[in-house]
Amino acid sequence: MPTKITFLPALMMAFLAIFTTSSCQEPCDFSPYQIDQYKWRIFELENSGAEPIIEYNSIISKEHFGLRIQYEMPIAGQLKTCPDNYYEFYDPVIDVMVYAMQDFDDTHPAGVSLNDYFIARNLSDRTNLPYYQPISESLSAFIKYSYNSVGTVDLILIQPPGHQGPFQFKVKLKFSYQDPIIISSRTITFY
């Protein structure tokens, strides 16, 4: 009988030893990938049809306007230097702010966030974000899980400005591990 009692704790200790040696017990180092400004581009959209299309004309209806952000990242992850060397994916974009260089309306002067006037959709992965959402709920649209892939996110204006005329939009992106970048649209004229 004493043999059975000592066998059970020994078996449990053996399982514990196997599980603790197979996982990474030391803190893992990581090297965040630097995100390059020149790999982020912005295009103006015309959104009067079934799907938004890039508008190369500099005159666009203020009721049918949008922005398309295209970006390239090597991988949205960090390399762990644990014994098994693996990638842990993370969301590099922690905040997005859209603003205009001109007064947009009475409550949104130049430089103030227009996030509440835009909705976002990820075109790169419709299963990830298949429909339009507020920008604050759409940061997952900026995650890329593959090497050298191009991501595309549409930002559609849902509240046009109070007046017509020239506008230039900027999108400021804040990241987890580096300084923010700002990408700019062309100056377009709303009619």
N, C-alpha and C. Protein backbone atom coordinates (compact mmCIF):
# COMPACT_ATOMS: atom_id res chain seq x y z
N MET A 1 0.80 -1.20 0.00
CA MET A 1 0.00 0.00 0.00
C MET A 1 0.85 1.27 0.00
N PRO A 2 1.91 1.37 0.79
CA PRO A 2 2.74 2.57 0.77
C PRO A 2 3.34 2.82 -0.61
N THR A 3 3.55 1.80 -1.38
CA THR A 3 4.14 1.98 -2.71
C THR A 3 3.21 2.78 -3.63
N LYS A 4 1.90 2.52 -3.57
CA LYS A 4 0.95 3.23 -4.42
C LYS A 4 0.88 4.71 -4.05
N ILE A 5 0.96 5.03 -2.77
CA ILE A 5 0.87 6.42 -2.33
C ILE A 5 2.09 7.21 -2.80
N THR A 6 3.26 6.67 -2.77
CA THR A 6 4.44 7.39 -3.22
C THR A 6 4.54 7.43 -4.74
N PHE A 7 3.92 6.49 -5.42
CA PHE A 7 3.96 6.47 -6.89
C PHE A 7 3.15 7.62 -7.48
N LEU A 8 1.99 7.94 -6.93
CA LEU A 8 1.11 8.99 -7.45
C LEU A 8 1.78 10.37 -7.39
N PRO A 9 2.37 10.80 -6.25
CA PRO A 9 3.06 12.10 -6.25
C PRO A 9 4.26 12.12 -7.19
N ALA A 10 4.97 11.00 -7.33
CA ALA A 10 6.11 10.96 -8.24
C ALA A 10 5.65 11.14 -9.68
N LEU A 11 4.52 10.52 -10.04
CA LEU A 11 3.98 10.66 -11.39
C LEU A 11 3.57 12.11 -11.65
N MET A 12 2.94 12.75 -10.67
CA MET A 12 2.54 14.15 -10.82
C MET A 12 3.76 15.06 -10.97
N MET A 13 4.81 14.80 -10.24
CA MET A 13 6.05 15.59 -10.36
C MET A 13 6.68 15.42 -11.72
N ALA A 14 6.62 14.24 -12.29
CA ALA A 14 7.18 14.00 -13.62
C ALA A 14 6.44 14.80 -14.68
N PHE A 15 5.10 14.81 -14.62
CA PHE A 15 4.30 15.60 -15.56
C PHE A 15 4.61 17.08 -15.42
N LEU A 16 4.74 17.56 -14.20
CA LEU A 16 5.05 18.97 -13.95
C LEU A 16 6.41 19.33 -14.53
N ALA A 17 7.39 18.46 -14.38
CA ALA A 17 8.74 18.71 -14.92
C ALA A 17 8.71 18.78 -16.43
N ILE A 18 7.92 17.93 -17.09
CA ILE A 18 7.83 17.93 -18.56
C ILE A 18 7.23 19.24 -19.03
N PHE A 19 6.14 19.68 -18.40
CA PHE A 19 5.47 20.90 -18.85
C PHE A 19 6.29 22.14 -18.58
N THR A 20 7.03 22.20 -17.49
CA THR A 20 7.80 23.40 -17.19
C THR A 20 9.04 23.51 -18.06
N THR A 21 9.63 22.40 -18.48
CA THR A 21 10.83 22.50 -19.32
C THR A 21 10.48 22.75 -20.78
N SER A 22 9.25 22.45 -21.21
CA SER A 22 8.90 22.63 -22.61
C SER A 22 8.43 24.05 -22.92
N SER A 23 8.14 24.86 -21.91
CA SER A 23 7.70 26.23 -22.19
C SER A 23 8.85 27.19 -21.89
N CYS A 24 8.72 28.38 -22.41
CA CYS A 24 9.76 29.40 -22.24
C CYS A 24 9.62 30.04 -20.86
N GLN A 25 10.54 29.76 -19.97
CA GLN A 25 10.47 30.27 -18.61
C GLN A 25 11.16 31.62 -18.45
N GLU A 26 12.08 31.95 -19.37
CA GLU A 26 12.81 33.21 -19.26
C GLU A 26 12.04 34.29 -20.00
N PRO A 27 12.22 35.55 -19.61
CA PRO A 27 11.58 36.63 -20.37
C PRO A 27 12.09 36.61 -21.81
N CYS A 28 11.18 36.77 -22.74
CA CYS A 28 11.54 36.71 -24.15
C CYS A 28 11.84 38.12 -24.66
N ASP A 29 12.92 38.27 -25.39
CA ASP A 29 13.23 39.56 -26.01
C ASP A 29 12.44 39.67 -27.30
N PHE A 30 12.15 40.89 -27.69
CA PHE A 30 11.48 41.08 -28.97
C PHE A 30 12.07 42.29 -29.67
N SER A 31 11.95 42.30 -30.97
CA SER A 31 12.42 43.41 -31.79
C SER A 31 11.25 43.92 -32.61
N PRO A 32 10.64 45.03 -32.22
CA PRO A 32 9.52 45.54 -33.01
C PRO A 32 9.99 45.98 -34.40
N TYR A 33 9.17 45.73 -35.38
CA TYR A 33 9.50 46.16 -36.74
C TYR A 33 9.22 47.64 -36.89
N GLN A 34 10.15 48.35 -37.50
CA GLN A 34 9.98 49.78 -37.74
C GLN A 34 9.01 49.96 -38.91
N ILE A 35 8.03 50.82 -38.73
CA ILE A 35 7.03 51.06 -39.77
C ILE A 35 7.43 52.32 -40.51
N ASP A 36 7.61 52.21 -41.82
CA ASP A 36 8.11 53.31 -42.64
C ASP A 36 6.98 54.19 -43.15
N GLN A 37 7.16 55.49 -43.02
CA GLN A 37 6.17 56.47 -43.48
C GLN A 37 5.86 56.31 -44.96
N TYR A 38 6.88 56.08 -45.78
CA TYR A 38 6.67 56.04 -47.23
C TYR A 38 5.86 54.82 -47.67
N LYS A 39 5.64 53.85 -46.79
CA LYS A 39 4.85 52.68 -47.15
C LYS A 39 3.36 52.87 -46.87
N TRP A 40 2.97 54.08 -46.45
CA TRP A 40 1.57 54.40 -46.20
C TRP A 40 1.13 55.46 -47.21
N ARG A 41 0.05 55.17 -47.95
CA ARG A 41 -0.45 56.12 -48.96
C ARG A 41 -1.94 56.34 -48.74
N ILE A 42 -2.39 57.47 -49.24
CA ILE A 42 -3.81 57.81 -49.09
C ILE A 42 -4.36 58.24 -50.45
N PHE A 43 -5.56 57.79 -50.76
CA PHE A 43 -6.24 58.13 -52.01
C PHE A 43 -7.63 58.67 -51.68
N GLU A 44 -8.12 59.56 -52.52
CA GLU A 44 -9.47 60.09 -52.34
C GLU A 44 -10.45 59.15 -53.05
N LEU A 45 -11.63 59.00 -52.47
CA LEU A 45 -12.64 58.09 -53.01
C LEU A 45 -13.90 58.85 -53.41
N GLU A 46 -14.56 58.31 -54.41
CA GLU A 46 -15.90 58.75 -54.79
C GLU A 46 -16.83 57.59 -54.43
N ASN A 47 -17.84 57.87 -53.59
CA ASN A 47 -18.63 56.81 -52.99
C ASN A 47 -20.11 56.89 -53.36
N SER A 48 -20.42 57.18 -54.61
CA SER A 48 -21.83 57.29 -54.98
C SER A 48 -22.38 55.98 -55.55
N GLY A 49 -21.50 55.02 -55.87
CA GLY A 49 -21.95 53.75 -56.45
C GLY A 49 -22.06 52.65 -55.42
N ALA A 50 -22.06 51.41 -55.92
CA ALA A 50 -22.18 50.25 -55.04
C ALA A 50 -20.94 50.10 -54.16
N GLU A 51 -19.79 50.43 -54.71
CA GLU A 51 -18.52 50.37 -53.97
C GLU A 51 -17.73 51.65 -54.22
N PRO A 52 -16.99 52.13 -53.24
CA PRO A 52 -16.16 53.33 -53.45
C PRO A 52 -15.06 53.05 -54.48
N ILE A 53 -14.77 54.06 -55.29
CA ILE A 53 -13.68 53.94 -56.27
C ILE A 53 -12.73 55.12 -56.09
N ILE A 54 -11.47 54.91 -56.44
CA ILE A 54 -10.48 56.00 -56.35
C ILE A 54 -10.85 57.09 -57.34
N GLU A 55 -10.85 58.32 -56.88
CA GLU A 55 -11.20 59.48 -57.70
C GLU A 55 -9.93 60.27 -57.99
N TYR A 56 -9.58 60.36 -59.26
CA TYR A 56 -8.37 61.10 -59.64
C TYR A 56 -8.65 62.56 -59.94
N ASN A 57 -9.91 62.90 -60.10
CA ASN A 57 -10.30 64.30 -60.29
C ASN A 57 -10.19 65.00 -58.94
N SER A 58 -9.86 66.27 -58.94
CA SER A 58 -9.71 67.00 -57.68
C SER A 58 -11.01 67.67 -57.23
N ILE A 59 -12.10 67.42 -57.96
CA ILE A 59 -13.41 67.95 -57.57
C ILE A 59 -14.32 66.76 -57.26
N ILE A 60 -14.82 66.70 -56.01
CA ILE A 60 -15.61 65.55 -55.56
C ILE A 60 -16.83 66.06 -54.79
N SER A 61 -17.94 65.35 -54.94
CA SER A 61 -19.14 65.68 -54.18
C SER A 61 -18.88 65.46 -52.69
N LYS A 62 -19.25 66.44 -51.87
CA LYS A 62 -19.02 66.32 -50.42
C LYS A 62 -19.90 65.25 -49.79
N GLU A 63 -20.99 64.87 -50.46
CA GLU A 63 -21.87 63.81 -49.94
C GLU A 63 -21.37 62.41 -50.27
N HIS A 64 -20.37 62.30 -51.17
CA HIS A 64 -19.91 60.98 -51.61
C HIS A 64 -18.39 60.86 -51.52
N PHE A 65 -17.83 61.30 -50.41
CA PHE A 65 -16.38 61.37 -50.28
C PHE A 65 -15.87 60.30 -49.32
N GLY A 66 -14.67 59.85 -49.60
CA GLY A 66 -14.00 58.93 -48.69
C GLY A 66 -12.50 58.95 -48.91
N LEU A 67 -11.79 58.26 -48.05
CA LEU A 67 -10.34 58.14 -48.14
C LEU A 67 -9.98 56.66 -48.12
N ARG A 68 -9.02 56.28 -48.92
CA ARG A 68 -8.51 54.90 -48.90
C ARG A 68 -7.06 54.94 -48.44
N ILE A 69 -6.76 54.19 -47.39
CA ILE A 69 -5.40 54.08 -46.88
C ILE A 69 -4.85 52.74 -47.34
N GLN A 70 -3.71 52.78 -48.01
CA GLN A 70 -3.01 51.56 -48.39
C GLN A 70 -1.66 51.57 -47.68
N TYR A 71 -1.29 50.43 -47.14
CA TYR A 71 -0.05 50.36 -46.37
C TYR A 71 0.60 49.01 -46.56
N GLU A 72 1.91 49.02 -46.38
CA GLU A 72 2.68 47.79 -46.48
C GLU A 72 3.52 47.65 -45.23
N MET A 73 3.42 46.51 -44.59
CA MET A 73 4.24 46.22 -43.42
C MET A 73 4.85 44.84 -43.62
N PRO A 74 6.11 44.64 -43.22
CA PRO A 74 6.70 43.32 -43.38
C PRO A 74 5.93 42.26 -42.62
N ILE A 75 5.60 42.56 -41.38
CA ILE A 75 4.76 41.68 -40.56
C ILE A 75 4.34 42.49 -39.35
N ALA A 76 3.14 42.29 -38.91
CA ALA A 76 2.68 43.01 -37.73
C ALA A 76 2.92 42.13 -36.52
N GLY A 77 4.17 41.97 -36.16
CA GLY A 77 4.46 41.10 -35.04
C GLY A 77 5.81 41.40 -34.47
N GLN A 78 6.20 40.64 -33.49
CA GLN A 78 7.49 40.83 -32.86
C GLN A 78 8.14 39.46 -32.71
N LEU A 79 9.41 39.39 -33.02
CA LEU A 79 10.12 38.12 -32.97
C LEU A 79 10.54 37.83 -31.54
N LYS A 80 10.11 36.70 -31.02
CA LYS A 80 10.50 36.28 -29.69
C LYS A 80 11.77 35.44 -29.80
N THR A 81 12.70 35.67 -28.92
CA THR A 81 13.94 34.89 -28.94
C THR A 81 13.91 33.82 -27.86
N CYS A 82 12.82 33.13 -27.80
CA CYS A 82 12.69 31.98 -26.92
C CYS A 82 13.34 30.79 -27.62
N PRO A 83 13.43 29.66 -26.92
CA PRO A 83 14.06 28.50 -27.57
C PRO A 83 13.40 28.11 -28.90
N ASP A 84 12.10 28.34 -29.04
CA ASP A 84 11.41 27.91 -30.26
C ASP A 84 11.29 29.01 -31.31
N ASN A 85 11.80 30.22 -31.06
CA ASN A 85 11.69 31.36 -31.99
C ASN A 85 10.33 31.40 -32.69
N TYR A 86 9.46 32.24 -32.21
CA TYR A 86 8.14 32.33 -32.81
C TYR A 86 7.73 33.80 -32.89
N TYR A 87 6.67 34.04 -33.66
CA TYR A 87 6.14 35.39 -33.81
C TYR A 87 4.89 35.55 -32.95
N GLU A 88 4.82 36.65 -32.27
CA GLU A 88 3.60 36.99 -31.53
C GLU A 88 2.99 38.20 -32.21
N PHE A 89 1.81 38.05 -32.74
CA PHE A 89 1.19 39.15 -33.47
C PHE A 89 0.59 40.16 -32.50
N TYR A 90 0.63 41.40 -32.90
CA TYR A 90 0.06 42.45 -32.09
C TYR A 90 -0.46 43.52 -33.01
N ASP A 91 -1.26 44.41 -32.48
CA ASP A 91 -1.81 45.50 -33.27
C ASP A 91 -0.87 46.69 -33.18
N PRO A 92 -0.16 47.01 -34.26
CA PRO A 92 0.79 48.11 -34.17
C PRO A 92 0.12 49.48 -34.12
N VAL A 93 -1.11 49.60 -34.60
CA VAL A 93 -1.80 50.89 -34.60
C VAL A 93 -2.64 50.97 -33.33
N ILE A 94 -2.33 51.96 -32.49
CA ILE A 94 -3.09 52.10 -31.24
C ILE A 94 -4.06 53.27 -31.29
N ASP A 95 -3.94 54.13 -32.32
CA ASP A 95 -4.88 55.24 -32.46
C ASP A 95 -4.82 55.78 -33.88
N VAL A 96 -5.97 56.19 -34.39
CA VAL A 96 -6.09 56.81 -35.72
C VAL A 96 -6.89 58.09 -35.53
N MET A 97 -6.41 59.17 -36.13
CA MET A 97 -7.17 60.43 -36.09
C MET A 97 -7.20 61.04 -37.48
N VAL A 98 -8.41 61.30 -37.97
CA VAL A 98 -8.61 61.98 -39.25
C VAL A 98 -8.96 63.43 -38.95
N TYR A 99 -8.32 64.36 -39.66
CA TYR A 99 -8.65 65.77 -39.47
C TYR A 99 -8.45 66.52 -40.78
N ALA A 100 -9.02 67.71 -40.86
CA ALA A 100 -8.91 68.55 -42.05
C ALA A 100 -8.01 69.73 -41.75
N MET A 101 -7.37 70.24 -42.78
CA MET A 101 -6.51 71.41 -42.64
C MET A 101 -7.31 72.71 -42.70
N GLN A 102 -8.59 72.62 -43.03
CA GLN A 102 -9.49 73.77 -43.07
C GLN A 102 -10.61 73.55 -42.07
N ASP A 103 -11.29 74.62 -41.67
CA ASP A 103 -12.46 74.47 -40.80
C ASP A 103 -13.48 73.60 -41.51
N PHE A 104 -13.91 72.53 -40.84
CA PHE A 104 -14.85 71.60 -41.46
C PHE A 104 -16.28 72.07 -41.29
N ASP A 105 -16.64 72.44 -40.08
CA ASP A 105 -17.95 73.03 -39.79
C ASP A 105 -17.82 73.87 -38.52
N ASP A 106 -18.94 74.32 -37.99
CA ASP A 106 -18.91 75.21 -36.82
C ASP A 106 -18.31 74.54 -35.58
N THR A 107 -18.41 73.23 -35.46
CA THR A 107 -17.92 72.55 -34.27
C THR A 107 -16.60 71.81 -34.50
N HIS A 108 -16.11 71.80 -35.74
CA HIS A 108 -14.86 71.10 -36.06
C HIS A 108 -13.92 72.04 -36.83
N PRO A 109 -13.19 72.90 -36.10
CA PRO A 109 -12.22 73.76 -36.79
C PRO A 109 -11.04 72.93 -37.32
N ALA A 110 -10.19 73.57 -38.08
CA ALA A 110 -9.02 72.90 -38.67
C ALA A 110 -8.21 72.21 -37.58
N GLY A 111 -7.79 70.98 -37.84
CA GLY A 111 -6.93 70.25 -36.93
C GLY A 111 -7.64 69.43 -35.86
N VAL A 112 -8.96 69.55 -35.76
CA VAL A 112 -9.73 68.81 -34.76
C VAL A 112 -10.16 67.47 -35.35
N SER A 113 -10.19 66.44 -34.52
CA SER A 113 -10.55 65.10 -34.98
C SER A 113 -11.92 65.07 -35.65
N LEU A 114 -11.96 64.40 -36.80
CA LEU A 114 -13.22 64.17 -37.52
C LEU A 114 -13.60 62.68 -37.46
N ASN A 115 -13.04 61.96 -36.52
CA ASN A 115 -13.31 60.51 -36.44
C ASN A 115 -14.79 60.20 -36.34
N ASP A 116 -15.55 61.07 -35.66
CA ASP A 116 -16.98 60.81 -35.52
C ASP A 116 -17.74 61.06 -36.81
N TYR A 117 -17.07 61.60 -37.84
CA TYR A 117 -17.70 61.84 -39.13
C TYR A 117 -17.32 60.80 -40.19
N PHE A 118 -16.47 59.85 -39.82
CA PHE A 118 -16.03 58.80 -40.74
C PHE A 118 -16.33 57.42 -40.16
N ILE A 119 -16.55 56.46 -41.06
CA ILE A 119 -16.62 55.05 -40.69
C ILE A 119 -15.55 54.31 -41.49
N ALA A 120 -15.11 53.15 -41.00
CA ALA A 120 -13.98 52.43 -41.60
C ALA A 120 -14.36 51.01 -41.96
N ARG A 121 -13.68 50.49 -43.01
CA ARG A 121 -13.84 49.09 -43.41
C ARG A 121 -12.52 48.57 -43.95
N ASN A 122 -12.15 47.37 -43.55
CA ASN A 122 -10.93 46.72 -44.02
C ASN A 122 -11.23 45.99 -45.33
N LEU A 123 -10.55 46.38 -46.41
CA LEU A 123 -10.76 45.71 -47.70
C LEU A 123 -9.80 44.56 -47.90
N SER A 124 -8.76 44.47 -47.08
CA SER A 124 -7.76 43.42 -47.24
C SER A 124 -8.26 42.08 -46.75
N ASP A 125 -9.10 42.12 -45.74
CA ASP A 125 -9.55 40.88 -45.10
C ASP A 125 -11.00 41.08 -44.69
N ARG A 126 -11.90 40.78 -45.56
CA ARG A 126 -13.32 41.01 -45.27
C ARG A 126 -13.82 40.17 -44.11
N THR A 127 -13.14 39.06 -43.82
CA THR A 127 -13.58 38.24 -42.69
C THR A 127 -13.19 38.90 -41.37
N ASN A 128 -12.14 39.74 -41.40
CA ASN A 128 -11.70 40.41 -40.19
C ASN A 128 -12.60 41.60 -39.86
N LEU A 129 -12.93 42.39 -40.85
CA LEU A 129 -13.77 43.57 -40.65
C LEU A 129 -14.65 43.72 -41.89
N PRO A 130 -15.72 42.94 -42.02
CA PRO A 130 -16.46 42.87 -43.27
C PRO A 130 -17.43 44.03 -43.50
N TYR A 131 -17.59 44.90 -42.55
CA TYR A 131 -18.57 45.98 -42.69
C TYR A 131 -17.99 47.24 -42.08
N TYR A 132 -18.67 48.35 -42.32
CA TYR A 132 -18.21 49.63 -41.80
C TYR A 132 -18.48 49.74 -40.31
N GLN A 133 -17.49 50.31 -39.61
CA GLN A 133 -17.60 50.54 -38.17
C GLN A 133 -17.01 51.91 -37.86
N PRO A 134 -17.30 52.44 -36.66
CA PRO A 134 -16.61 53.66 -36.24
C PRO A 134 -15.09 53.42 -36.22
N ILE A 135 -14.33 54.45 -36.48
CA ILE A 135 -12.87 54.32 -36.53
C ILE A 135 -12.32 53.75 -35.22
N SER A 136 -12.86 54.18 -34.10
CA SER A 136 -12.35 53.72 -32.80
C SER A 136 -12.51 52.22 -32.62
N GLU A 137 -13.44 51.60 -33.34
CA GLU A 137 -13.67 50.15 -33.24
C GLU A 137 -12.99 49.39 -34.37
N SER A 138 -12.22 50.09 -35.20
CA SER A 138 -11.69 49.48 -36.42
C SER A 138 -10.18 49.36 -36.44
N LEU A 139 -9.51 49.49 -35.30
CA LEU A 139 -8.05 49.42 -35.29
C LEU A 139 -7.55 48.06 -35.74
N SER A 140 -8.39 47.02 -35.59
CA SER A 140 -7.98 45.69 -36.06
C SER A 140 -7.81 45.66 -37.57
N ALA A 141 -8.34 46.65 -38.28
CA ALA A 141 -8.17 46.71 -39.73
C ALA A 141 -6.72 46.92 -40.12
N PHE A 142 -5.91 47.40 -39.19
CA PHE A 142 -4.51 47.69 -39.49
C PHE A 142 -3.57 46.57 -39.07
N ILE A 143 -4.08 45.39 -38.81
CA ILE A 143 -3.23 44.24 -38.49
C ILE A 143 -2.95 43.47 -39.77
N LYS A 144 -1.68 43.14 -39.99
CA LYS A 144 -1.32 42.29 -41.13
C LYS A 144 -0.58 41.07 -40.60
N TYR A 145 -0.96 39.91 -41.10
CA TYR A 145 -0.38 38.68 -40.59
C TYR A 145 0.52 37.99 -41.59
N SER A 146 0.90 38.64 -42.66
CA SER A 146 1.74 37.96 -43.64
C SER A 146 2.86 38.89 -44.09
N TYR A 147 3.89 38.31 -44.64
CA TYR A 147 5.05 39.07 -45.07
C TYR A 147 4.73 39.91 -46.30
N ASN A 148 5.22 41.15 -46.33
CA ASN A 148 5.16 42.04 -47.49
C ASN A 148 3.77 42.12 -48.10
N SER A 149 2.76 42.17 -47.28
CA SER A 149 1.41 42.27 -47.81
C SER A 149 0.93 43.71 -47.72
N VAL A 150 0.01 44.05 -48.61
CA VAL A 150 -0.53 45.40 -48.65
C VAL A 150 -1.91 45.38 -48.01
N GLY A 151 -2.11 46.25 -47.06
CA GLY A 151 -3.41 46.39 -46.42
C GLY A 151 -4.16 47.57 -47.01
N THR A 152 -5.48 47.49 -47.01
CA THR A 152 -6.31 48.56 -47.53
C THR A 152 -7.48 48.79 -46.59
N VAL A 153 -7.64 50.04 -46.17
CA VAL A 153 -8.74 50.42 -45.28
C VAL A 153 -9.43 51.63 -45.90
N ASP A 154 -10.76 51.53 -46.04
CA ASP A 154 -11.55 52.66 -46.53
C ASP A 154 -12.15 53.42 -45.35
N LEU A 155 -12.06 54.74 -45.42
CA LEU A 155 -12.70 55.64 -44.46
C LEU A 155 -13.73 56.45 -45.23
N ILE A 156 -15.00 56.26 -44.93
CA ILE A 156 -16.08 56.90 -45.67
C ILE A 156 -16.67 58.03 -44.83
N LEU A 157 -16.78 59.21 -45.44
CA LEU A 157 -17.36 60.38 -44.78
C LEU A 157 -18.87 60.21 -44.68
N ILE A 158 -19.41 60.24 -43.47
CA ILE A 158 -20.85 60.08 -43.29
C ILE A 158 -21.54 61.39 -42.92
N GLN A 159 -20.75 62.42 -42.64
CA GLN A 159 -21.31 63.74 -42.33
C GLN A 159 -20.55 64.78 -43.15
N PRO A 160 -21.13 65.28 -44.26
CA PRO A 160 -20.39 66.23 -45.08
C PRO A 160 -20.16 67.56 -44.36
N PRO A 161 -19.18 68.32 -44.84
CA PRO A 161 -18.90 69.62 -44.19
C PRO A 161 -20.04 70.60 -44.41
N GLY A 162 -20.00 71.66 -43.64
CA GLY A 162 -21.06 72.67 -43.72
C GLY A 162 -20.97 73.56 -44.94
N HIS A 163 -19.87 73.51 -45.66
CA HIS A 163 -19.71 74.38 -46.82
C HIS A 163 -18.92 73.66 -47.92
N GLN A 164 -18.95 74.25 -49.11
CA GLN A 164 -18.18 73.73 -50.24
C GLN A 164 -16.82 74.40 -50.25
N GLY A 165 -15.94 73.92 -51.12
CA GLY A 165 -14.64 74.54 -51.25
C GLY A 165 -13.50 73.56 -51.09
N PRO A 166 -12.27 74.09 -51.00
CA PRO A 166 -11.10 73.21 -50.91
C PRO A 166 -10.91 72.62 -49.52
N PHE A 167 -10.51 71.35 -49.50
CA PHE A 167 -10.20 70.66 -48.26
C PHE A 167 -9.00 69.75 -48.47
N GLN A 168 -8.17 69.67 -47.47
CA GLN A 168 -7.11 68.67 -47.44
C GLN A 168 -7.25 67.91 -46.12
N PHE A 169 -7.21 66.57 -46.21
CA PHE A 169 -7.36 65.73 -45.04
C PHE A 169 -6.03 65.09 -44.67
N LYS A 170 -5.86 64.87 -43.39
CA LYS A 170 -4.67 64.17 -42.89
C LYS A 170 -5.13 63.06 -41.96
N VAL A 171 -4.35 61.98 -41.95
CA VAL A 171 -4.61 60.86 -41.05
C VAL A 171 -3.36 60.65 -40.22
N LYS A 172 -3.52 60.77 -38.92
CA LYS A 172 -2.40 60.55 -37.99
C LYS A 172 -2.55 59.17 -37.38
N LEU A 173 -1.50 58.36 -37.48
CA LEU A 173 -1.51 57.00 -36.96
C LEU A 173 -0.49 56.89 -35.85
N LYS A 174 -0.94 56.44 -34.68
CA LYS A 174 -0.03 56.21 -33.55
C LYS A 174 0.21 54.72 -33.45
N PHE A 175 1.47 54.36 -33.13
CA PHE A 175 1.88 52.97 -33.07
C PHE A 175 2.35 52.62 -31.66
N SER A 176 2.43 51.33 -31.40
CA SER A 176 2.86 50.86 -30.09
C SER A 176 4.31 51.17 -29.79
N TYR A 177 5.18 51.09 -30.81
CA TYR A 177 6.62 51.11 -30.54
C TYR A 177 7.39 52.18 -31.30
N GLN A 178 6.73 53.20 -31.81
CA GLN A 178 7.45 54.25 -32.52
C GLN A 178 6.63 55.52 -32.56
N ASP A 179 7.25 56.58 -33.09
CA ASP A 179 6.57 57.86 -33.21
C ASP A 179 5.43 57.77 -34.23
N PRO A 180 4.40 58.62 -34.10
CA PRO A 180 3.29 58.60 -35.06
C PRO A 180 3.75 59.01 -36.46
N ILE A 181 2.96 58.63 -37.45
CA ILE A 181 3.16 59.13 -38.80
C ILE A 181 1.88 59.84 -39.24
N ILE A 182 2.03 60.76 -40.18
CA ILE A 182 0.89 61.51 -40.71
C ILE A 182 0.93 61.37 -42.22
N ILE A 183 -0.19 60.94 -42.80
CA ILE A 183 -0.30 60.86 -44.26
C ILE A 183 -1.35 61.87 -44.70
N SER A 184 -1.14 62.48 -45.87
CA SER A 184 -1.97 63.59 -46.33
C SER A 184 -2.64 63.27 -47.66
N SER A 185 -3.88 63.72 -47.77
CA SER A 185 -4.58 63.63 -49.05
C SER A 185 -4.16 64.80 -49.94
N ARG A 186 -4.57 64.75 -51.19
CA ARG A 186 -4.44 65.93 -52.04
C ARG A 186 -5.42 66.99 -51.54
N THR A 187 -5.23 68.21 -51.97
CA THR A 187 -6.25 69.23 -51.73
C THR A 187 -7.34 69.01 -52.78
N ILE A 188 -8.54 68.75 -52.33
CA ILE A 188 -9.65 68.52 -53.24
C ILE A 188 -10.69 69.60 -53.00
N THR A 189 -11.58 69.78 -53.97
CA THR A 189 -12.66 70.77 -53.85
C THR A 189 -13.98 70.05 -53.74
N PHE A 190 -14.70 70.31 -52.67
CA PHE A 190 -16.04 69.76 -52.51
C PHE A 190 -17.06 70.64 -53.23
N TYR A 191 -17.98 70.01 -53.90
CA TYR A 191 -19.11 70.77 -54.49
C TYR A 191 -20.41 70.28 -53.90
